[in-house]
Amino acid sequence: MIGVVFVSEGIQKLLFPAVRGAGRFEKIGLPHPDILGSFVGTLEIICGVMILVGLFTRFANIPLMIIMVVSLATTKADLFVNQGFWEMMHGSRTDWAMLLGITFLLIKGGGYGSLDKMMMNSRK
């Protein structure tokens, strides 16, 4: 599910840049939103696909982890300051779920049907 969500979000950043990509990045004050929006969207697609097929799973999680931490810091800090802890927690539940899912995959790696496992078994 982690891979599916990141692929979907990456595609949306490229298809709807004014709302999901560069426009949103500009609204929250990130530098070079046009470049960053396309870069993050492309990175989410590539890493999401890598997770889906289980190719270099742990490596693919690192950029996504950075994206999620930046997302929490840039979009939820203001919510915390203006509306409080519980509103921030409610608004960030998907971000936390994705971050925890990524952390699990970083620790555990690809599953039994992953390309990582197949490559490891073929070396034996």
N, C-alpha and C. Protein backbone atom coordinates (compact mmCIF):
# COMPACT_ATOMS: atom_id res chain seq x y z
N MET A 1 0.82 -1.20 0.00
CA MET A 1 0.00 0.00 0.00
C MET A 1 0.86 1.27 0.00
N ILE A 2 2.00 1.20 0.67
CA ILE A 2 2.91 2.35 0.72
C ILE A 2 3.31 2.76 -0.71
N GLY A 3 3.70 1.78 -1.51
CA GLY A 3 4.10 2.05 -2.89
C GLY A 3 2.98 2.65 -3.71
N VAL A 4 1.78 2.11 -3.57
CA VAL A 4 0.62 2.60 -4.32
C VAL A 4 0.33 4.06 -3.98
N VAL A 5 0.36 4.39 -2.71
CA VAL A 5 0.07 5.76 -2.29
C VAL A 5 1.11 6.72 -2.85
N PHE A 6 2.39 6.36 -2.77
CA PHE A 6 3.42 7.27 -3.27
C PHE A 6 3.37 7.41 -4.79
N VAL A 7 3.11 6.34 -5.51
CA VAL A 7 2.98 6.43 -6.97
C VAL A 7 1.81 7.35 -7.31
N SER A 8 0.68 7.15 -6.65
CA SER A 8 -0.51 7.97 -6.89
C SER A 8 -0.25 9.44 -6.58
N GLU A 9 0.37 9.72 -5.45
CA GLU A 9 0.65 11.11 -5.07
C GLU A 9 1.66 11.75 -6.03
N GLY A 10 2.65 10.99 -6.46
CA GLY A 10 3.63 11.51 -7.41
C GLY A 10 2.98 11.86 -8.74
N ILE A 11 2.12 10.98 -9.23
CA ILE A 11 1.41 11.25 -10.49
C ILE A 11 0.56 12.50 -10.36
N GLN A 12 -0.13 12.64 -9.23
CA GLN A 12 -0.98 13.81 -9.02
C GLN A 12 -0.18 15.11 -8.97
N LYS A 13 1.03 15.05 -8.41
CA LYS A 13 1.88 16.25 -8.39
C LYS A 13 2.25 16.68 -9.81
N LEU A 14 2.39 15.72 -10.71
CA LEU A 14 2.72 16.05 -12.10
C LEU A 14 1.49 16.42 -12.93
N LEU A 15 0.36 15.76 -12.66
CA LEU A 15 -0.87 16.04 -13.41
C LEU A 15 -1.56 17.33 -12.97
N PHE A 16 -1.50 17.61 -11.68
CA PHE A 16 -2.20 18.77 -11.11
C PHE A 16 -1.21 19.65 -10.33
N PRO A 17 -0.23 20.23 -11.02
CA PRO A 17 0.83 20.96 -10.32
C PRO A 17 0.31 22.17 -9.52
N ALA A 18 -0.73 22.83 -10.00
CA ALA A 18 -1.22 24.01 -9.30
C ALA A 18 -1.80 23.66 -7.92
N VAL A 19 -2.34 22.47 -7.79
CA VAL A 19 -2.99 22.07 -6.54
C VAL A 19 -2.11 21.15 -5.71
N ARG A 20 -1.44 20.17 -6.33
CA ARG A 20 -0.70 19.14 -5.60
C ARG A 20 0.82 19.30 -5.67
N GLY A 21 1.31 20.00 -6.66
CA GLY A 21 2.76 20.10 -6.85
C GLY A 21 3.29 21.49 -6.59
N ALA A 22 3.77 22.13 -7.65
CA ALA A 22 4.45 23.42 -7.53
C ALA A 22 3.58 24.47 -6.84
N GLY A 23 2.31 24.51 -7.15
CA GLY A 23 1.41 25.49 -6.52
C GLY A 23 1.33 25.32 -5.01
N ARG A 24 1.24 24.09 -4.59
CA ARG A 24 1.19 23.81 -3.14
C ARG A 24 2.53 24.12 -2.49
N PHE A 25 3.61 23.76 -3.16
CA PHE A 25 4.94 24.03 -2.62
C PHE A 25 5.18 25.53 -2.49
N GLU A 26 4.70 26.30 -3.48
CA GLU A 26 4.83 27.76 -3.40
C GLU A 26 4.01 28.32 -2.24
N LYS A 27 2.82 27.79 -2.07
CA LYS A 27 1.92 28.25 -1.00
C LYS A 27 2.53 28.05 0.39
N ILE A 28 3.25 26.95 0.58
CA ILE A 28 3.84 26.69 1.90
C ILE A 28 5.25 27.28 2.02
N GLY A 29 5.73 27.94 0.96
CA GLY A 29 6.98 28.68 1.05
C GLY A 29 8.25 27.91 0.75
N LEU A 30 8.15 26.80 0.05
CA LEU A 30 9.35 26.04 -0.32
C LEU A 30 10.06 26.73 -1.49
N PRO A 31 11.39 26.68 -1.52
CA PRO A 31 12.13 27.35 -2.60
C PRO A 31 11.98 26.62 -3.94
N HIS A 32 12.05 27.36 -5.02
CA HIS A 32 12.00 26.82 -6.39
C HIS A 32 10.85 25.80 -6.55
N PRO A 33 9.62 26.22 -6.31
CA PRO A 33 8.50 25.27 -6.30
C PRO A 33 8.29 24.53 -7.62
N ASP A 34 8.57 25.18 -8.76
CA ASP A 34 8.38 24.50 -10.05
C ASP A 34 9.31 23.30 -10.18
N ILE A 35 10.56 23.52 -9.86
CA ILE A 35 11.55 22.44 -9.96
C ILE A 35 11.29 21.40 -8.87
N LEU A 36 11.07 21.87 -7.66
CA LEU A 36 10.88 20.97 -6.52
C LEU A 36 9.62 20.12 -6.67
N GLY A 37 8.54 20.71 -7.17
CA GLY A 37 7.29 19.96 -7.36
C GLY A 37 7.47 18.79 -8.32
N SER A 38 8.10 19.06 -9.45
CA SER A 38 8.35 17.99 -10.43
C SER A 38 9.33 16.96 -9.90
N PHE A 39 10.37 17.44 -9.20
CA PHE A 39 11.37 16.53 -8.64
C PHE A 39 10.76 15.59 -7.61
N VAL A 40 9.99 16.15 -6.68
CA VAL A 40 9.38 15.32 -5.63
C VAL A 40 8.37 14.36 -6.25
N GLY A 41 7.56 14.83 -7.19
CA GLY A 41 6.59 13.95 -7.85
C GLY A 41 7.26 12.79 -8.56
N THR A 42 8.32 13.07 -9.30
CA THR A 42 9.07 12.03 -10.00
C THR A 42 9.72 11.06 -9.02
N LEU A 43 10.29 11.59 -7.97
CA LEU A 43 10.93 10.76 -6.94
C LEU A 43 9.90 9.84 -6.27
N GLU A 44 8.71 10.37 -5.99
CA GLU A 44 7.66 9.55 -5.38
C GLU A 44 7.24 8.42 -6.31
N ILE A 45 7.15 8.70 -7.59
CA ILE A 45 6.77 7.66 -8.56
C ILE A 45 7.85 6.59 -8.63
N ILE A 46 9.09 7.00 -8.81
CA ILE A 46 10.19 6.03 -8.95
C ILE A 46 10.34 5.18 -7.70
N CYS A 47 10.41 5.84 -6.54
CA CYS A 47 10.58 5.09 -5.29
C CYS A 47 9.35 4.25 -4.96
N GLY A 48 8.17 4.76 -5.28
CA GLY A 48 6.95 3.99 -5.06
C GLY A 48 6.92 2.71 -5.89
N VAL A 49 7.32 2.80 -7.15
CA VAL A 49 7.40 1.62 -8.01
C VAL A 49 8.45 0.64 -7.49
N MET A 50 9.59 1.18 -7.05
CA MET A 50 10.64 0.31 -6.49
C MET A 50 10.12 -0.46 -5.28
N ILE A 51 9.33 0.19 -4.45
CA ILE A 51 8.74 -0.48 -3.28
C ILE A 51 7.72 -1.52 -3.73
N LEU A 52 6.91 -1.18 -4.71
CA LEU A 52 5.89 -2.12 -5.20
C LEU A 52 6.49 -3.43 -5.71
N VAL A 53 7.60 -3.34 -6.41
CA VAL A 53 8.22 -4.56 -6.95
C VAL A 53 9.27 -5.12 -6.01
N GLY A 54 9.57 -4.35 -4.96
CA GLY A 54 10.55 -4.83 -3.98
C GLY A 54 11.98 -4.77 -4.47
N LEU A 55 12.31 -3.74 -5.23
CA LEU A 55 13.66 -3.57 -5.76
C LEU A 55 14.39 -2.50 -4.95
N PHE A 56 15.48 -2.87 -4.30
CA PHE A 56 16.23 -1.95 -3.44
C PHE A 56 15.28 -1.24 -2.47
N THR A 57 14.46 -2.03 -1.83
CA THR A 57 13.38 -1.51 -0.98
C THR A 57 13.88 -0.56 0.09
N ARG A 58 14.91 -0.95 0.80
CA ARG A 58 15.41 -0.09 1.87
C ARG A 58 15.95 1.23 1.32
N PHE A 59 16.66 1.16 0.23
CA PHE A 59 17.21 2.36 -0.40
C PHE A 59 16.08 3.29 -0.86
N ALA A 60 15.03 2.74 -1.44
CA ALA A 60 13.91 3.53 -1.96
C ALA A 60 13.16 4.25 -0.85
N ASN A 61 13.22 3.73 0.36
CA ASN A 61 12.50 4.34 1.47
C ASN A 61 13.16 5.61 2.00
N ILE A 62 14.46 5.76 1.82
CA ILE A 62 15.17 6.91 2.39
C ILE A 62 14.68 8.23 1.81
N PRO A 63 14.59 8.41 0.48
CA PRO A 63 14.07 9.68 -0.04
C PRO A 63 12.61 9.93 0.39
N LEU A 64 11.83 8.85 0.45
CA LEU A 64 10.43 9.00 0.85
C LEU A 64 10.32 9.41 2.32
N MET A 65 11.21 8.91 3.13
CA MET A 65 11.23 9.29 4.54
C MET A 65 11.53 10.80 4.66
N ILE A 66 12.48 11.27 3.88
CA ILE A 66 12.81 12.70 3.90
C ILE A 66 11.61 13.53 3.44
N ILE A 67 10.94 13.08 2.39
CA ILE A 67 9.75 13.78 1.89
C ILE A 67 8.69 13.86 2.97
N MET A 68 8.47 12.77 3.69
CA MET A 68 7.43 12.76 4.72
C MET A 68 7.79 13.66 5.91
N VAL A 69 9.04 13.67 6.31
CA VAL A 69 9.46 14.54 7.42
C VAL A 69 9.31 16.01 7.02
N VAL A 70 9.72 16.34 5.80
CA VAL A 70 9.57 17.72 5.31
C VAL A 70 8.08 18.07 5.22
N SER A 71 7.27 17.14 4.75
CA SER A 71 5.84 17.37 4.66
C SER A 71 5.23 17.67 6.03
N LEU A 72 5.58 16.87 7.01
CA LEU A 72 5.08 17.12 8.37
C LEU A 72 5.54 18.48 8.89
N ALA A 73 6.81 18.78 8.69
CA ALA A 73 7.37 20.04 9.22
C ALA A 73 6.77 21.27 8.54
N THR A 74 6.54 21.19 7.23
CA THR A 74 6.09 22.37 6.50
C THR A 74 4.58 22.55 6.48
N THR A 75 3.84 21.47 6.58
CA THR A 75 2.38 21.60 6.47
C THR A 75 1.65 21.45 7.80
N LYS A 76 2.28 20.83 8.77
CA LYS A 76 1.56 20.58 10.02
C LYS A 76 2.01 21.45 11.19
N ALA A 77 3.19 22.05 11.09
CA ALA A 77 3.67 22.92 12.16
C ALA A 77 2.75 24.12 12.35
N ASP A 78 2.33 24.71 11.24
CA ASP A 78 1.42 25.85 11.28
C ASP A 78 0.08 25.45 11.90
N LEU A 79 -0.39 24.28 11.56
CA LEU A 79 -1.63 23.76 12.12
C LEU A 79 -1.51 23.61 13.64
N PHE A 80 -0.36 23.12 14.08
CA PHE A 80 -0.10 22.95 15.51
C PHE A 80 -0.12 24.31 16.23
N VAL A 81 0.56 25.28 15.65
CA VAL A 81 0.65 26.60 16.27
C VAL A 81 -0.71 27.29 16.33
N ASN A 82 -1.48 27.20 15.25
CA ASN A 82 -2.75 27.93 15.16
C ASN A 82 -3.95 27.20 15.76
N GLN A 83 -3.95 25.87 15.70
CA GLN A 83 -5.14 25.15 16.13
C GLN A 83 -4.89 24.12 17.23
N GLY A 84 -3.64 23.89 17.58
CA GLY A 84 -3.34 23.02 18.69
C GLY A 84 -2.93 21.61 18.30
N PHE A 85 -2.51 20.87 19.33
CA PHE A 85 -1.97 19.53 19.18
C PHE A 85 -2.96 18.56 18.53
N TRP A 86 -4.19 18.51 19.03
CA TRP A 86 -5.14 17.49 18.54
C TRP A 86 -5.56 17.74 17.10
N GLU A 87 -5.71 18.99 16.73
CA GLU A 87 -6.05 19.30 15.33
C GLU A 87 -4.89 18.92 14.42
N MET A 88 -3.65 19.17 14.89
CA MET A 88 -2.47 18.79 14.12
C MET A 88 -2.40 17.26 13.98
N MET A 89 -2.67 16.56 15.06
CA MET A 89 -2.64 15.09 15.01
C MET A 89 -3.70 14.55 14.05
N HIS A 90 -4.87 15.14 14.09
CA HIS A 90 -5.95 14.71 13.18
C HIS A 90 -5.55 14.98 11.72
N GLY A 91 -5.00 16.15 11.48
CA GLY A 91 -4.62 16.52 10.11
C GLY A 91 -3.41 15.78 9.58
N SER A 92 -2.63 15.18 10.46
CA SER A 92 -1.41 14.52 10.02
C SER A 92 -1.46 13.00 10.13
N ARG A 93 -2.63 12.44 10.36
CA ARG A 93 -2.72 10.99 10.57
C ARG A 93 -2.22 10.18 9.38
N THR A 94 -2.50 10.62 8.17
CA THR A 94 -2.00 9.90 6.99
C THR A 94 -0.49 10.03 6.88
N ASP A 95 0.03 11.22 7.17
CA ASP A 95 1.48 11.42 7.13
C ASP A 95 2.18 10.49 8.11
N TRP A 96 1.66 10.39 9.33
CA TRP A 96 2.26 9.51 10.34
C TRP A 96 2.15 8.05 9.93
N ALA A 97 1.01 7.65 9.37
CA ALA A 97 0.84 6.26 8.93
C ALA A 97 1.85 5.93 7.83
N MET A 98 2.05 6.85 6.89
CA MET A 98 3.00 6.62 5.82
C MET A 98 4.43 6.58 6.36
N LEU A 99 4.75 7.47 7.28
CA LEU A 99 6.08 7.49 7.87
C LEU A 99 6.37 6.21 8.64
N LEU A 100 5.39 5.72 9.37
CA LEU A 100 5.57 4.46 10.10
C LEU A 100 5.68 3.27 9.14
N GLY A 101 4.90 3.29 8.05
CA GLY A 101 5.00 2.24 7.05
C GLY A 101 6.36 2.22 6.38
N ILE A 102 6.88 3.39 6.07
CA ILE A 102 8.21 3.50 5.47
C ILE A 102 9.27 3.00 6.45
N THR A 103 9.12 3.36 7.71
CA THR A 103 10.07 2.92 8.73
C THR A 103 10.08 1.40 8.84
N PHE A 104 8.90 0.79 8.80
CA PHE A 104 8.80 -0.66 8.84
C PHE A 104 9.55 -1.29 7.66
N LEU A 105 9.31 -0.76 6.45
CA LEU A 105 9.97 -1.29 5.27
C LEU A 105 11.48 -1.05 5.29
N LEU A 106 11.90 0.05 5.89
CA LEU A 106 13.32 0.33 6.02
C LEU A 106 13.98 -0.72 6.92
N ILE A 107 13.30 -1.09 7.98
CA ILE A 107 13.83 -2.09 8.92
C ILE A 107 13.71 -3.50 8.34
N LYS A 108 12.55 -3.84 7.80
CA LYS A 108 12.25 -5.20 7.36
C LYS A 108 12.75 -5.52 5.95
N GLY A 109 12.74 -4.54 5.06
CA GLY A 109 13.13 -4.78 3.68
C GLY A 109 11.98 -5.36 2.87
N GLY A 110 12.29 -5.82 1.68
CA GLY A 110 11.28 -6.39 0.79
C GLY A 110 10.75 -7.73 1.30
N GLY A 111 9.55 -8.06 0.90
CA GLY A 111 8.91 -9.31 1.33
C GLY A 111 9.37 -10.50 0.53
N TYR A 112 8.68 -11.62 0.73
CA TYR A 112 9.07 -12.89 0.10
C TYR A 112 9.01 -12.86 -1.43
N GLY A 113 8.07 -12.12 -1.99
CA GLY A 113 7.94 -12.05 -3.44
C GLY A 113 8.71 -10.90 -4.07
N SER A 114 9.53 -10.22 -3.31
CA SER A 114 10.22 -9.04 -3.81
C SER A 114 11.41 -9.41 -4.70
N LEU A 115 11.78 -8.48 -5.55
CA LEU A 115 12.98 -8.67 -6.37
C LEU A 115 14.22 -8.73 -5.50
N ASP A 116 14.21 -8.01 -4.38
CA ASP A 116 15.34 -8.08 -3.44
C ASP A 116 15.56 -9.51 -2.98
N LYS A 117 14.49 -10.20 -2.58
CA LYS A 117 14.61 -11.59 -2.10
C LYS A 117 15.05 -12.52 -3.23
N MET A 118 14.47 -12.31 -4.41
CA MET A 118 14.84 -13.15 -5.55
C MET A 118 16.31 -13.00 -5.89
N MET A 119 16.81 -11.77 -5.85
CA MET A 119 18.22 -11.52 -6.15
C MET A 119 19.11 -12.14 -5.06
N MET A 120 18.66 -12.05 -3.82
CA MET A 120 19.43 -12.61 -2.73
C MET A 120 19.48 -14.14 -2.82
N ASN A 121 18.34 -14.74 -3.17
CA ASN A 121 18.30 -16.22 -3.31
C ASN A 121 19.10 -16.71 -4.49
N SER A 122 19.16 -15.92 -5.57
CA SER A 122 19.93 -16.36 -6.74
C SER A 122 21.43 -16.29 -6.50
N ARG A 123 21.86 -15.52 -5.52
CA ARG A 123 23.29 -15.43 -5.18
C ARG A 123 23.76 -16.62 -4.37
N LYS A 124 22.81 -17.30 -3.74
CA LYS A 124 23.18 -18.45 -2.88
C LYS A 124 23.49 -19.67 -3.66
